[in-house]
Amino acid sequence: MDLSFVYLLEMTGTAAFAVSGALAASRKNMDIFGFCVLALMPAVGGGTIRDIIIDRVPVFWIADNRYIAVAIIAALVVFFTSYKPGSRRQILIWMDALGLALFAALGTEICLQHDTGPLVAVMLGVTTAVTGGMIRDIICNEIPLILSREIYATAAFIAAVCYVLADNIGLTESLSLGIAVIAGFAIRALAIIYNWSLPSFGMHKRK
């Protein structure tokens, strides 16, 4: 198993989600403590819930404090960096998209390693990807992206399923993760660029 590659992906996802949280704090004009708190929520929130459910102890960020360090550093970088008005929302969305794809794939991989079975692995992979962002948005008093019509959890689901399928046909862990991350990020990116959304209840009645 290529631990260095997997660990790099984990740290990249942690940093991306932490930046999304810190940018959300900047949009709410929070202080430096608020930046750190909101950076940590998406960075470790989903993975914490996953680890508790599958009884993976100690929880990943307790076993390796570097996850917390990366999130805090990302928060500080955002706090001391200037952004053009209106740019923070777009950067937040793209950092969130990257973190979403990475954490969905990595969460699924961890669950399969703990013998949860493919279905539970996919469910918890999605949970890993979306829970932290939900906490971030709720703290900011905003509607979580997963509850909007945007293609969000669907992208995480696709990443998780792609990892399971790639793993089942015998591809290496690194290749499986690469395929899953690219698939999940591509779907989310296309949804952002072309404003794709899932149909909502009652749409056909309004036509």
C-alpha atoms as a PDB file:
ATOM      1  CA  MET A   1       0.000   0.000   0.000  1.00  0.00           C
ATOM      2  CA  ASP A   2       1.382   3.382  -0.998  1.00  0.00           C
ATOM      3  CA  LEU A   3       1.036   5.120   2.367  1.00  0.00           C
ATOM      4  CA  SER A   4       2.826   8.269   1.225  1.00  0.00           C
ATOM      5  CA  PHE A   5       0.347   8.830  -1.611  1.00  0.00           C
ATOM      6  CA  VAL A   6      -2.683   8.169   0.601  1.00  0.00           C
ATOM      7  CA  TYR A   7      -1.328  10.391   3.361  1.00  0.00           C
ATOM      8  CA  LEU A   8      -0.724  13.183   0.844  1.00  0.00           C
ATOM      9  CA  LEU A   9      -4.328  12.920  -0.302  1.00  0.00           C
ATOM     10  CA  GLU A  10      -5.544  13.000   3.292  1.00  0.00           C
ATOM     11  CA  MET A  11      -3.555  16.125   4.088  1.00  0.00           C
ATOM     12  CA  THR A  12      -4.655  17.765   0.830  1.00  0.00           C
ATOM     13  CA  GLY A  13      -8.293  17.095   1.659  1.00  0.00           C
ATOM     14  CA  THR A  14      -7.802  18.374   5.203  1.00  0.00           C
ATOM     15  CA  ALA A  15      -6.200  21.587   3.943  1.00  0.00           C
ATOM     16  CA  ALA A  16      -8.858  22.128   1.259  1.00  0.00           C
ATOM     17  CA  PHE A  17     -11.746  21.697   3.684  1.00  0.00           C
ATOM     18  CA  ALA A  18      -9.981  23.823   6.300  1.00  0.00           C
ATOM     19  CA  VAL A  19      -9.590  26.645   3.768  1.00  0.00           C
ATOM     20  CA  SER A  20     -13.304  26.396   2.949  1.00  0.00           C
ATOM     21  CA  GLY A  21     -14.133  26.734   6.636  1.00  0.00           C
ATOM     22  CA  ALA A  22     -11.773  29.667   7.145  1.00  0.00           C
ATOM     23  CA  LEU A  23     -13.199  31.434   4.097  1.00  0.00           C
ATOM     24  CA  ALA A  24     -16.682  30.975   5.533  1.00  0.00           C
ATOM     25  CA  ALA A  25     -15.406  32.609   8.730  1.00  0.00           C
ATOM     26  CA  SER A  26     -13.967  35.507   6.730  1.00  0.00           C
ATOM     27  CA  ARG A  27     -17.324  36.102   5.081  1.00  0.00           C
ATOM     28  CA  LYS A  28     -18.846  36.411   8.560  1.00  0.00           C
ATOM     29  CA  ASN A  29     -16.034  38.704   9.774  1.00  0.00           C
ATOM     30  CA  MET A  30     -15.050  36.377  12.620  1.00  0.00           C
ATOM     31  CA  ASP A  31     -11.954  36.723  14.773  1.00  0.00           C
ATOM     32  CA  ILE A  32      -8.921  34.446  14.551  1.00  0.00           C
ATOM     33  CA  PHE A  33     -10.438  31.939  16.976  1.00  0.00           C
ATOM     34  CA  GLY A  34     -13.558  31.721  14.820  1.00  0.00           C
ATOM     35  CA  PHE A  35     -11.366  31.082  11.789  1.00  0.00           C
ATOM     36  CA  CYS A  36      -9.689  28.142  13.516  1.00  0.00           C
ATOM     37  CA  VAL A  37     -12.974  26.670  14.739  1.00  0.00           C
ATOM     38  CA  LEU A  38     -14.642  26.885  11.336  1.00  0.00           C
ATOM     39  CA  ALA A  39     -11.540  25.474   9.642  1.00  0.00           C
ATOM     40  CA  LEU A  40     -11.583  22.451  11.941  1.00  0.00           C
ATOM     41  CA  MET A  41     -15.270  21.647  11.446  1.00  0.00           C
ATOM     42  CA  PRO A  42     -15.100  20.521   7.789  1.00  0.00           C
ATOM     43  CA  ALA A  43     -11.500  19.315   8.136  1.00  0.00           C
ATOM     44  CA  VAL A  44     -12.158  16.739  10.878  1.00  0.00           C
ATOM     45  CA  GLY A  45     -15.928  16.682  11.487  1.00  0.00           C
ATOM     46  CA  GLY A  46     -16.958  14.061   8.938  1.00  0.00           C
ATOM     47  CA  GLY A  47     -14.008  11.800   9.624  1.00  0.00           C
ATOM     48  CA  THR A  48     -14.711  11.938  13.359  1.00  0.00           C
ATOM     49  CA  ILE A  49     -18.296  10.764  12.859  1.00  0.00           C
ATOM     50  CA  ARG A  50     -17.057   7.969  10.555  1.00  0.00           C
ATOM     51  CA  ASP A  51     -14.445   6.765  13.020  1.00  0.00           C
ATOM     52  CA  ILE A  52     -16.941   6.725  15.890  1.00  0.00           C
ATOM     53  CA  ILE A  53     -19.426   4.684  13.836  1.00  0.00           C
ATOM     54  CA  ILE A  54     -16.889   2.060  12.739  1.00  0.00           C
ATOM     55  CA  ASP A  55     -15.229   2.030  16.184  1.00  0.00           C
ATOM     56  CA  ARG A  56     -11.879   3.170  14.832  1.00  0.00           C
ATOM     57  CA  VAL A  57      -9.987   4.255  17.912  1.00  0.00           C
ATOM     58  CA  PRO A  58      -8.335   6.528  18.599  1.00  0.00           C
ATOM     59  CA  VAL A  59     -10.070   8.923  16.213  1.00  0.00           C
ATOM     60  CA  PHE A  60      -7.730   9.812  13.336  1.00  0.00           C
ATOM     61  CA  TRP A  61      -6.834  13.338  14.446  1.00  0.00           C
ATOM     62  CA  ILE A  62      -6.082  12.147  17.975  1.00  0.00           C
ATOM     63  CA  ALA A  63      -3.788   9.432  16.632  1.00  0.00           C
ATOM     64  CA  ASP A  64      -2.048  11.940  14.359  1.00  0.00           C
ATOM     65  CA  ASN A  65      -2.148  15.574  15.463  1.00  0.00           C
ATOM     66  CA  ARG A  66      -0.792  16.737  12.109  1.00  0.00           C
ATOM     67  CA  TYR A  67      -4.347  16.843  10.769  1.00  0.00           C
ATOM     68  CA  ILE A  68      -5.157  19.516  13.351  1.00  0.00           C
ATOM     69  CA  ALA A  69      -1.913  21.347  12.612  1.00  0.00           C
ATOM     70  CA  VAL A  70      -2.641  21.467   8.871  1.00  0.00           C
ATOM     71  CA  ALA A  71      -6.156  22.786   9.507  1.00  0.00           C
ATOM     72  CA  ILE A  72      -4.933  25.491  11.884  1.00  0.00           C
ATOM     73  CA  ILE A  73      -2.157  26.557   9.503  1.00  0.00           C
ATOM     74  CA  ALA A  74      -4.681  26.787   6.663  1.00  0.00           C
ATOM     75  CA  ALA A  75      -6.943  28.926   8.859  1.00  0.00           C
ATOM     76  CA  LEU A  76      -4.075  31.279   9.730  1.00  0.00           C
ATOM     77  CA  VAL A  77      -3.042  31.625   6.092  1.00  0.00           C
ATOM     78  CA  VAL A  78      -6.573  32.608   5.123  1.00  0.00           C
ATOM     79  CA  PHE A  79      -6.848  34.979   8.122  1.00  0.00           C
ATOM     80  CA  PHE A  80      -3.728  36.909   7.116  1.00  0.00           C
ATOM     81  CA  THR A  81      -4.479  36.930   3.373  1.00  0.00           C
ATOM     82  CA  SER A  82      -6.478  39.584   1.553  1.00  0.00           C
ATOM     83  CA  TYR A  83      -9.186  38.631  -0.947  1.00  0.00           C
ATOM     84  CA  LYS A  84     -11.057  40.647  -3.512  1.00  0.00           C
ATOM     85  CA  PRO A  85     -14.681  41.360  -2.629  1.00  0.00           C
ATOM     86  CA  GLY A  86     -16.867  38.535  -3.869  1.00  0.00           C
ATOM     87  CA  SER A  87     -13.961  36.164  -4.520  1.00  0.00           C
ATOM     88  CA  ARG A  88     -14.157  34.358  -1.189  1.00  0.00           C
ATOM     89  CA  ARG A  89     -17.422  32.612  -2.016  1.00  0.00           C
ATOM     90  CA  GLN A  90     -16.017  31.178  -5.252  1.00  0.00           C
ATOM     91  CA  ILE A  91     -12.795  30.021  -3.620  1.00  0.00           C
ATOM     92  CA  LEU A  92     -14.816  28.446  -0.802  1.00  0.00           C
ATOM     93  CA  ILE A  93     -16.950  26.505  -3.281  1.00  0.00           C
ATOM     94  CA  TRP A  94     -13.941  25.164  -5.184  1.00  0.00           C
ATOM     95  CA  MET A  95     -11.970  24.223  -2.062  1.00  0.00           C
ATOM     96  CA  ASP A  96     -15.077  22.518  -0.756  1.00  0.00           C
ATOM     97  CA  ALA A  97     -15.435  20.608  -4.043  1.00  0.00           C
ATOM     98  CA  LEU A  98     -11.869  19.328  -3.792  1.00  0.00           C
ATOM     99  CA  GLY A  99     -12.274  18.321  -0.161  1.00  0.00           C
ATOM    100  CA  LEU A 100     -15.584  16.649  -0.944  1.00  0.00           C
ATOM    101  CA  ALA A 101     -14.098  14.386  -3.604  1.00  0.00           C
ATOM    102  CA  LEU A 102     -10.996  13.540  -1.574  1.00  0.00           C
ATOM    103  CA  PHE A 103     -12.830  12.757   1.650  1.00  0.00           C
ATOM    104  CA  ALA A 104     -15.529  10.688  -0.086  1.00  0.00           C
ATOM    105  CA  ALA A 105     -12.897   8.459  -1.680  1.00  0.00           C
ATOM    106  CA  LEU A 106     -10.671   8.252   1.393  1.00  0.00           C
ATOM    107  CA  GLY A 107     -13.595   7.656   3.745  1.00  0.00           C
ATOM    108  CA  THR A 108     -14.796   4.779   1.586  1.00  0.00           C
ATOM    109  CA  GLU A 109     -11.318   3.270   1.483  1.00  0.00           C
ATOM    110  CA  ILE A 110     -10.971   3.411   5.286  1.00  0.00           C
ATOM    111  CA  CYS A 111     -14.356   1.776   5.791  1.00  0.00           C
ATOM    112  CA  LEU A 112     -13.554  -1.070   3.394  1.00  0.00           C
ATOM    113  CA  GLN A 113     -10.322  -1.649   5.304  1.00  0.00           C
ATOM    114  CA  HIS A 114     -12.462  -2.070   8.425  1.00  0.00           C
ATOM    115  CA  ASP A 115     -14.652  -4.688   6.706  1.00  0.00           C
ATOM    116  CA  THR A 116     -17.861  -2.660   6.666  1.00  0.00           C
ATOM    117  CA  GLY A 117     -18.918  -4.021   3.280  1.00  0.00           C
ATOM    118  CA  PRO A 118     -19.408  -1.977   0.089  1.00  0.00           C
ATOM    119  CA  LEU A 119     -22.828  -0.485   0.891  1.00  0.00           C
ATOM    120  CA  VAL A 120     -21.877   0.785   4.337  1.00  0.00           C
ATOM    121  CA  ALA A 121     -18.513   1.973   2.988  1.00  0.00           C
ATOM    122  CA  VAL A 122     -20.274   4.113   0.378  1.00  0.00           C
ATOM    123  CA  MET A 123     -22.702   5.509   2.949  1.00  0.00           C
ATOM    124  CA  LEU A 124     -19.917   6.409   5.362  1.00  0.00           C
ATOM    125  CA  GLY A 125     -17.742   7.729   2.546  1.00  0.00           C
ATOM    126  CA  VAL A 126     -20.497  10.223   1.747  1.00  0.00           C
ATOM    127  CA  THR A 127     -20.894  10.955   5.467  1.00  0.00           C
ATOM    128  CA  THR A 128     -17.166  11.683   5.737  1.00  0.00           C
ATOM    129  CA  ALA A 129     -17.408  14.107   2.823  1.00  0.00           C
ATOM    130  CA  VAL A 130     -20.527  16.083   3.697  1.00  0.00           C
ATOM    131  CA  THR A 131     -20.906  16.168   7.494  1.00  0.00           C
ATOM    132  CA  GLY A 132     -18.139  18.660   8.237  1.00  0.00           C
ATOM    133  CA  GLY A 133     -19.416  21.067   5.605  1.00  0.00           C
ATOM    134  CA  MET A 134     -22.904  20.834   7.074  1.00  0.00           C
ATOM    135  CA  ILE A 135     -21.560  21.778  10.515  1.00  0.00           C
ATOM    136  CA  ARG A 136     -19.631  24.687   8.973  1.00  0.00           C
ATOM    137  CA  ASP A 137     -22.692  26.048   7.182  1.00  0.00           C
ATOM    138  CA  ILE A 138     -24.990  25.632  10.203  1.00  0.00           C
ATOM    139  CA  ILE A 139     -22.550  27.557  12.420  1.00  0.00           C
ATOM    140  CA  CYS A 140     -22.540  30.306   9.766  1.00  0.00           C
ATOM    141  CA  ASN A 141     -26.351  30.315   9.786  1.00  0.00           C
ATOM    142  CA  GLU A 142     -26.489  29.306   6.131  1.00  0.00           C
ATOM    143  CA  ILE A 143     -28.412  26.539   4.363  1.00  0.00           C
ATOM    144  CA  PRO A 144     -25.978  23.599   4.026  1.00  0.00           C
ATOM    145  CA  LEU A 145     -24.978  22.870   0.437  1.00  0.00           C
ATOM    146  CA  ILE A 146     -26.213  19.288   0.821  1.00  0.00           C
ATOM    147  CA  LEU A 147     -29.748  20.601   1.414  1.00  0.00           C
ATOM    148  CA  SER A 148     -29.743  22.848  -1.635  1.00  0.00           C
ATOM    149  CA  ARG A 149     -30.626  21.737  -5.157  1.00  0.00           C
ATOM    150  CA  GLU A 150     -26.951  21.731  -6.143  1.00  0.00           C
ATOM    151  CA  ILE A 151     -25.326  18.449  -7.113  1.00  0.00           C
ATOM    152  CA  TYR A 152     -23.280  17.996  -3.957  1.00  0.00           C
ATOM    153  CA  ALA A 153     -23.868  14.756  -2.076  1.00  0.00           C
ATOM    154  CA  THR A 154     -24.369  13.130  -5.487  1.00  0.00           C
ATOM    155  CA  ALA A 155     -20.754  13.929  -6.381  1.00  0.00           C
ATOM    156  CA  ALA A 156     -19.572  12.382  -3.101  1.00  0.00           C
ATOM    157  CA  PHE A 157     -21.711   9.320  -3.800  1.00  0.00           C
ATOM    158  CA  ILE A 158     -20.179   8.919  -7.266  1.00  0.00           C
ATOM    159  CA  ALA A 159     -16.656   9.176  -5.823  1.00  0.00           C
ATOM    160  CA  ALA A 160     -17.462   6.545  -3.202  1.00  0.00           C
ATOM    161  CA  VAL A 161     -19.035   4.157  -5.709  1.00  0.00           C
ATOM    162  CA  CYS A 162     -16.123   4.587  -8.118  1.00  0.00           C
ATOM    163  CA  TYR A 163     -13.693   3.607  -5.381  1.00  0.00           C
ATOM    164  CA  VAL A 164     -15.693   0.478  -4.517  1.00  0.00           C
ATOM    165  CA  LEU A 165     -15.917  -0.559  -8.184  1.00  0.00           C
ATOM    166  CA  ALA A 166     -12.227   0.081  -8.830  1.00  0.00           C
ATOM    167  CA  ASP A 167     -11.282  -1.829  -5.696  1.00  0.00           C
ATOM    168  CA  ASN A 168     -13.540  -4.738  -6.637  1.00  0.00           C
ATOM    169  CA  ILE A 169     -11.891  -5.210 -10.040  1.00  0.00           C
ATOM    170  CA  GLY A 170      -8.495  -5.398  -8.390  1.00  0.00           C
ATOM    171  CA  LEU A 171      -6.958  -2.003  -9.116  1.00  0.00           C
ATOM    172  CA  THR A 172      -4.306  -0.744  -6.740  1.00  0.00           C
ATOM    173  CA  GLU A 173      -5.306   1.466  -3.831  1.00  0.00           C
ATOM    174  CA  SER A 174      -3.607   4.519  -5.314  1.00  0.00           C
ATOM    175  CA  LEU A 175      -5.232   4.072  -8.719  1.00  0.00           C
ATOM    176  CA  SER A 176      -8.636   3.423  -7.158  1.00  0.00           C
ATOM    177  CA  LEU A 177      -8.344   6.597  -5.098  1.00  0.00           C
ATOM    178  CA  GLY A 178      -7.213   8.588  -8.117  1.00  0.00           C
ATOM    179  CA  ILE A 179     -10.159   7.445 -10.226  1.00  0.00           C
ATOM    180  CA  ALA A 180     -12.635   8.103  -7.416  1.00  0.00           C
ATOM    181  CA  VAL A 181     -11.317  11.580  -6.644  1.00  0.00           C
ATOM    182  CA  ILE A 182     -11.250  12.628 -10.296  1.00  0.00           C
ATOM    183  CA  ALA A 183     -14.789  11.323 -10.882  1.00  0.00           C
ATOM    184  CA  GLY A 184     -16.233  13.016  -7.804  1.00  0.00           C
ATOM    185  CA  PHE A 185     -14.474  16.319  -8.423  1.00  0.00           C
ATOM    186  CA  ALA A 186     -15.394  16.327 -12.119  1.00  0.00           C
ATOM    187  CA  ILE A 187     -19.100  15.913 -11.355  1.00  0.00           C
ATOM    188  CA  ARG A 188     -19.028  18.636  -8.709  1.00  0.00           C
ATOM    189  CA  ALA A 189     -16.986  20.947 -10.964  1.00  0.00           C
ATOM    190  CA  LEU A 190     -19.375  20.524 -13.889  1.00  0.00           C
ATOM    191  CA  ALA A 191     -22.301  21.210 -11.577  1.00  0.00           C
ATOM    192  CA  ILE A 192     -20.644  24.437 -10.407  1.00  0.00           C
ATOM    193  CA  ILE A 193     -19.706  25.609 -13.905  1.00  0.00           C
ATOM    194  CA  TYR A 194     -22.993  24.741 -15.620  1.00  0.00           C
ATOM    195  CA  ASN A 195     -25.252  25.291 -12.610  1.00  0.00           C
ATOM    196  CA  TRP A 196     -26.529  21.710 -12.684  1.00  0.00           C
ATOM    197  CA  SER A 197     -29.063  20.748 -10.063  1.00  0.00           C
ATOM    198  CA  LEU A 198     -31.303  17.830  -9.232  1.00  0.00           C
ATOM    199  CA  PRO A 199     -35.047  18.241  -9.832  1.00  0.00           C
ATOM    200  CA  SER A 200     -36.960  19.360  -6.753  1.00  0.00           C
ATOM    201  CA  PHE A 201     -40.410  18.253  -5.616  1.00  0.00           C
ATOM    202  CA  GLY A 202     -43.217  19.916  -7.528  1.00  0.00           C
ATOM    203  CA  MET A 203     -41.130  21.151 -10.479  1.00  0.00           C
ATOM    204  CA  HIS A 204     -43.277  19.240 -12.969  1.00  0.00           C
ATOM    205  CA  LYS A 205     -46.409  20.883 -11.537  1.00  0.00           C
ATOM    206  CA  ARG A 206     -45.077  24.369 -12.201  1.00  0.00           C
ATOM    207  CA  LYS A 207     -44.485  23.694 -15.879  1.00  0.00           C
END
